[in-house]
């Protein structure tokens, strides 16, 4: 399964990054970054576990970009945009075929709290809000025997739908310094939909979980 191979590659990359850093290099990077406020940009690959539909398909591969800045010594603010691949659910039977395709893009604003800043592997906890755009495409056909009330024996489906949701977003990440400017960042993001139905708040039961691996450039 492609996603399993990707997760193995991610794990291997993190282990190599940790083992390749010498204490001298770690101290140099820590000294260069301590007390400085820096803007950074991210490019991420991720697995998208989309649980916004009745029968959640997945995962699929996805990509994302981000930008952020350090606000204070232990706090940062960042914006992320994720574009997942399409989830597909196909059902075929005698005289019946349904194909359901969905994807949920996200625009997230996150506040980060930094821990273990003097350690080799710091930890950042994030919380914020995101706007989700959920697109679905339903196609297929059904054959009737005998004909339906209108005398038809065949009906085709081709329906598009777009929903806009607001979600609570939480996450964690561990930036691993490779050079003075480059970071390898294992990440986890979880988006929990608040308004799937009119007047409804948490919990909606709809969510998207995204393990990520980012390359981060700090200016």
Protein backbone atom coordinates (compact mmCIF):
# COMPACT_ATOMS: atom_id res chain seq x y z
CA UNK A 1 0.00 0.00 0.00
CA UNK A 2 1.59 3.36 -1.09
CA UNK A 3 0.70 5.14 2.14
CA UNK A 4 2.35 2.46 4.30
CA UNK A 5 5.54 2.79 2.25
CA UNK A 6 5.45 6.56 2.67
CA UNK A 7 5.07 6.26 6.45
CA UNK A 8 8.04 3.87 6.55
CA UNK A 9 10.11 6.39 4.58
CA UNK A 10 9.03 9.15 6.98
CA UNK A 11 10.08 7.08 10.01
CA UNK A 12 13.40 6.25 8.42
CA UNK A 13 14.08 9.88 7.56
CA UNK A 14 13.42 10.97 11.13
CA UNK A 15 15.74 8.30 12.55
CA UNK A 16 18.50 9.23 10.11
CA UNK A 17 18.07 12.92 10.95
CA UNK A 18 18.35 12.22 14.67
CA UNK A 19 21.37 9.93 14.37
CA UNK A 20 23.25 12.18 11.95
CA UNK A 21 23.29 15.23 14.21
CA UNK A 22 26.40 15.51 16.37
CA UNK A 23 26.35 17.25 19.78
CA UNK A 24 28.57 20.03 18.42
CA UNK A 25 26.22 20.68 15.51
CA UNK A 26 23.21 20.64 17.82
CA UNK A 27 24.81 23.19 20.13
CA UNK A 28 25.72 25.39 17.19
CA UNK A 29 22.18 25.37 15.85
CA UNK A 30 20.71 26.01 19.31
CA UNK A 31 23.05 28.92 19.86
CA UNK A 32 22.25 30.41 16.47
CA UNK A 33 18.48 30.23 16.98
CA UNK A 34 18.15 31.12 20.67
CA UNK A 35 16.36 34.37 21.32
CA UNK A 36 15.66 35.11 17.65
CA UNK A 37 12.30 35.67 15.98
CA UNK A 38 12.30 34.08 12.55
CA UNK A 39 9.87 33.66 9.69
CA UNK A 40 9.70 30.14 8.24
CA UNK A 41 8.07 28.37 5.30
CA UNK A 42 7.04 24.70 5.07
CA UNK A 43 6.50 22.15 2.34
CA UNK A 44 4.74 19.01 3.58
CA UNK A 45 3.79 15.50 2.46
CA UNK A 46 1.11 13.70 4.45
CA UNK A 47 -1.37 10.85 4.70
CA UNK A 48 -5.00 12.04 4.74
CA UNK A 49 -7.41 10.01 6.88
CA UNK A 50 -10.69 11.74 5.99
CA UNK A 51 -13.60 10.82 8.29
CA UNK A 52 -16.08 13.40 7.05
CA UNK A 53 -18.25 10.92 5.11
CA UNK A 54 -20.53 8.12 6.34
CA UNK A 55 -18.09 5.41 5.28
CA UNK A 56 -14.65 7.03 5.55
CA UNK A 57 -12.37 5.97 2.69
CA UNK A 58 -8.64 6.39 2.82
CA UNK A 59 -6.00 7.21 3.48
CA UNK A 60 -4.71 9.06 0.44
CA UNK A 61 -1.54 11.03 -0.09
CA UNK A 62 -1.69 14.81 0.22
CA UNK A 63 0.52 17.86 0.03
CA UNK A 64 0.61 21.14 1.88
CA UNK A 65 2.41 24.44 2.31
CA UNK A 66 2.73 26.75 5.28
CA UNK A 67 4.23 29.95 6.59
CA UNK A 68 4.79 31.06 10.16
CA UNK A 69 6.71 33.26 12.53
CA UNK A 70 7.93 33.20 16.11
CA UNK A 71 5.85 35.64 18.16
CA UNK A 72 7.68 35.33 21.47
CA UNK A 73 10.35 33.01 22.83
CA UNK A 74 7.91 30.15 23.38
CA UNK A 75 5.03 31.03 21.02
CA UNK A 76 4.61 31.00 17.26
CA UNK A 77 1.83 31.62 14.74
CA UNK A 78 1.46 29.77 11.46
CA UNK A 79 -0.85 29.35 8.48
CA UNK A 80 -1.18 26.05 6.60
CA UNK A 81 -2.94 25.04 3.39
CA UNK A 82 -3.45 21.31 2.69
CA UNK A 83 -4.60 19.77 -0.60
CA UNK A 84 -5.44 16.05 -0.23
CA UNK A 85 -5.85 13.50 -2.94
CA UNK A 86 -9.31 12.27 -3.82
CA UNK A 87 -10.91 9.46 -1.78
CA UNK A 88 -12.86 7.02 -3.92
CA UNK A 89 -15.53 4.52 -2.93
CA UNK A 90 -16.83 2.24 -5.70
CA UNK A 91 -19.74 -0.19 -5.50
CA UNK A 92 -20.83 -2.41 -8.38
CA UNK A 93 -23.61 -4.94 -8.50
CA UNK A 94 -26.12 -6.43 -10.90
CA UNK A 95 -27.76 -3.49 -12.65
CA UNK A 96 -26.09 -1.05 -10.27
CA UNK A 97 -22.93 1.05 -10.12
CA UNK A 98 -22.13 3.86 -7.63
CA UNK A 99 -18.85 5.81 -7.53
CA UNK A 100 -18.36 8.33 -4.72
CA UNK A 101 -15.33 10.67 -4.78
CA UNK A 102 -14.54 13.20 -2.05
CA UNK A 103 -11.74 15.48 -0.87
CA UNK A 104 -11.41 18.03 1.95
CA UNK A 105 -8.99 20.94 1.59
CA UNK A 106 -8.10 22.93 4.69
CA UNK A 107 -6.91 26.44 5.57
CA UNK A 108 -5.63 26.47 9.16
CA UNK A 109 -4.44 29.23 11.51
CA UNK A 110 -2.49 27.74 14.43
CA UNK A 111 -0.95 29.08 17.62
CA UNK A 112 2.07 27.10 18.80
CA UNK A 113 3.49 26.64 22.29
CA UNK A 114 7.12 25.47 22.33
CA UNK A 115 8.47 23.01 24.92
CA UNK A 116 11.92 21.50 25.52
CA UNK A 117 13.59 24.31 23.61
CA UNK A 118 16.99 23.48 25.11
CA UNK A 119 16.71 19.81 24.09
CA UNK A 120 17.88 18.02 20.97
CA UNK A 121 14.28 17.37 19.88
CA UNK A 122 11.91 20.19 20.92
CA UNK A 123 8.14 19.73 20.96
CA UNK A 124 5.51 22.18 19.75
CA UNK A 125 1.80 21.87 20.68
CA UNK A 126 -0.60 23.70 18.36
CA UNK A 127 -4.24 24.75 18.51
CA UNK A 128 -6.31 26.90 16.21
CA UNK A 129 -9.18 27.12 13.77
CA UNK A 130 -9.49 25.97 10.18
CA UNK A 131 -11.82 26.43 7.23
CA UNK A 132 -12.59 23.16 5.42
CA UNK A 133 -13.93 22.85 1.88
CA UNK A 134 -15.49 19.42 1.33
CA UNK A 135 -16.17 18.47 -2.31
CA UNK A 136 -18.02 15.35 -3.40
CA UNK A 137 -18.88 13.84 -6.79
CA UNK A 138 -21.42 11.03 -7.02
CA UNK A 139 -21.78 9.15 -10.32
CA UNK A 140 -23.30 5.87 -11.46
CA UNK A 141 -26.48 4.23 -12.68
CA UNK A 142 -29.24 1.86 -11.68
CA UNK A 143 -31.31 -0.43 -13.91
CA UNK A 144 -34.88 -1.28 -12.94
CA UNK A 145 -36.64 -4.56 -13.63
CA UNK A 146 -39.55 -4.13 -13.91
CA UNK A 147 -39.55 -0.41 -14.98
CA UNK A 148 -40.18 2.26 -12.34
CA UNK A 149 -43.42 4.30 -12.10
CA UNK A 150 -42.28 6.49 -15.02
CA UNK A 151 -41.64 3.53 -17.28
CA UNK A 152 -37.87 3.97 -17.09
CA UNK A 153 -35.51 1.03 -16.89
CA UNK A 154 -32.24 3.01 -16.52
CA UNK A 155 -31.32 6.05 -14.40
CA UNK A 156 -27.92 7.81 -14.40
CA UNK A 157 -26.46 9.81 -11.50
CA UNK A 158 -24.01 12.70 -11.77
CA UNK A 159 -24.17 14.95 -8.71
CA UNK A 160 -21.65 17.49 -7.40
CA UNK A 161 -21.72 19.03 -3.93
CA UNK A 162 -19.55 21.51 -2.00
CA UNK A 163 -19.79 22.12 1.74
CA UNK A 164 -17.97 24.73 3.84
CA UNK A 165 -17.15 23.88 7.45
CA UNK A 166 -15.38 25.47 10.39
CA UNK A 167 -13.19 23.14 12.45
CA UNK A 168 -11.13 23.08 15.62
CA UNK A 169 -7.56 22.15 14.71
CA UNK A 170 -5.00 20.65 17.07
CA UNK A 171 -1.56 19.26 16.42
CA UNK A 172 1.99 18.49 17.46
CA UNK A 173 5.36 18.77 15.77
CA UNK A 174 9.05 18.18 16.53
CA UNK A 175 11.41 20.41 14.50
CA UNK A 176 14.77 18.69 14.00
CA UNK A 177 17.56 21.08 12.94
CA UNK A 178 19.55 19.79 9.96
CA UNK A 179 21.47 23.01 9.25
CA UNK A 180 21.27 26.60 10.44
CA UNK A 181 18.19 27.21 8.28
CA UNK A 182 16.78 23.77 7.37
CA UNK A 183 14.48 21.74 9.64
CA UNK A 184 12.96 18.27 9.22
CA UNK A 185 9.59 18.42 10.99
CA UNK A 186 7.46 15.33 11.79
CA UNK A 187 3.93 16.63 12.39
CA UNK A 188 0.40 15.55 13.27
CA UNK A 189 -2.73 17.59 12.51
CA UNK A 190 -6.34 16.82 13.42
CA UNK A 191 -9.31 18.89 12.21
CA UNK A 192 -12.64 18.42 14.05
CA UNK A 193 -15.71 19.84 12.27
CA UNK A 194 -17.91 22.14 14.36
CA UNK A 195 -20.80 23.01 12.05
CA UNK A 196 -21.62 20.00 9.88
CA UNK A 197 -25.32 20.64 10.50
CA UNK A 198 -27.19 23.91 10.99
CA UNK A 199 -27.08 24.94 14.64
CA UNK A 200 -24.85 22.02 15.57
CA UNK A 201 -21.62 22.40 17.55
CA UNK A 202 -19.08 19.86 18.83
CA UNK A 203 -18.95 16.97 18.52
CA UNK A 204 -20.08 16.56 14.91
CA UNK A 205 -18.35 13.22 14.41
CA UNK A 206 -16.61 14.51 11.29
CA UNK A 207 -12.83 14.89 11.30
CA UNK A 208 -9.65 14.66 9.24
CA UNK A 209 -6.42 13.23 10.68
CA UNK A 210 -3.16 14.01 8.87
CA UNK A 211 0.28 12.69 9.85
CA UNK A 212 2.77 14.94 8.04
CA UNK A 213 6.46 15.31 7.28
CA UNK A 214 7.65 18.82 6.45
CA UNK A 215 10.81 20.42 5.26
CA UNK A 216 11.04 23.84 6.91
CA UNK A 217 13.26 26.74 5.90
CA UNK A 218 13.88 29.33 8.61
CA UNK A 219 15.05 32.74 7.45
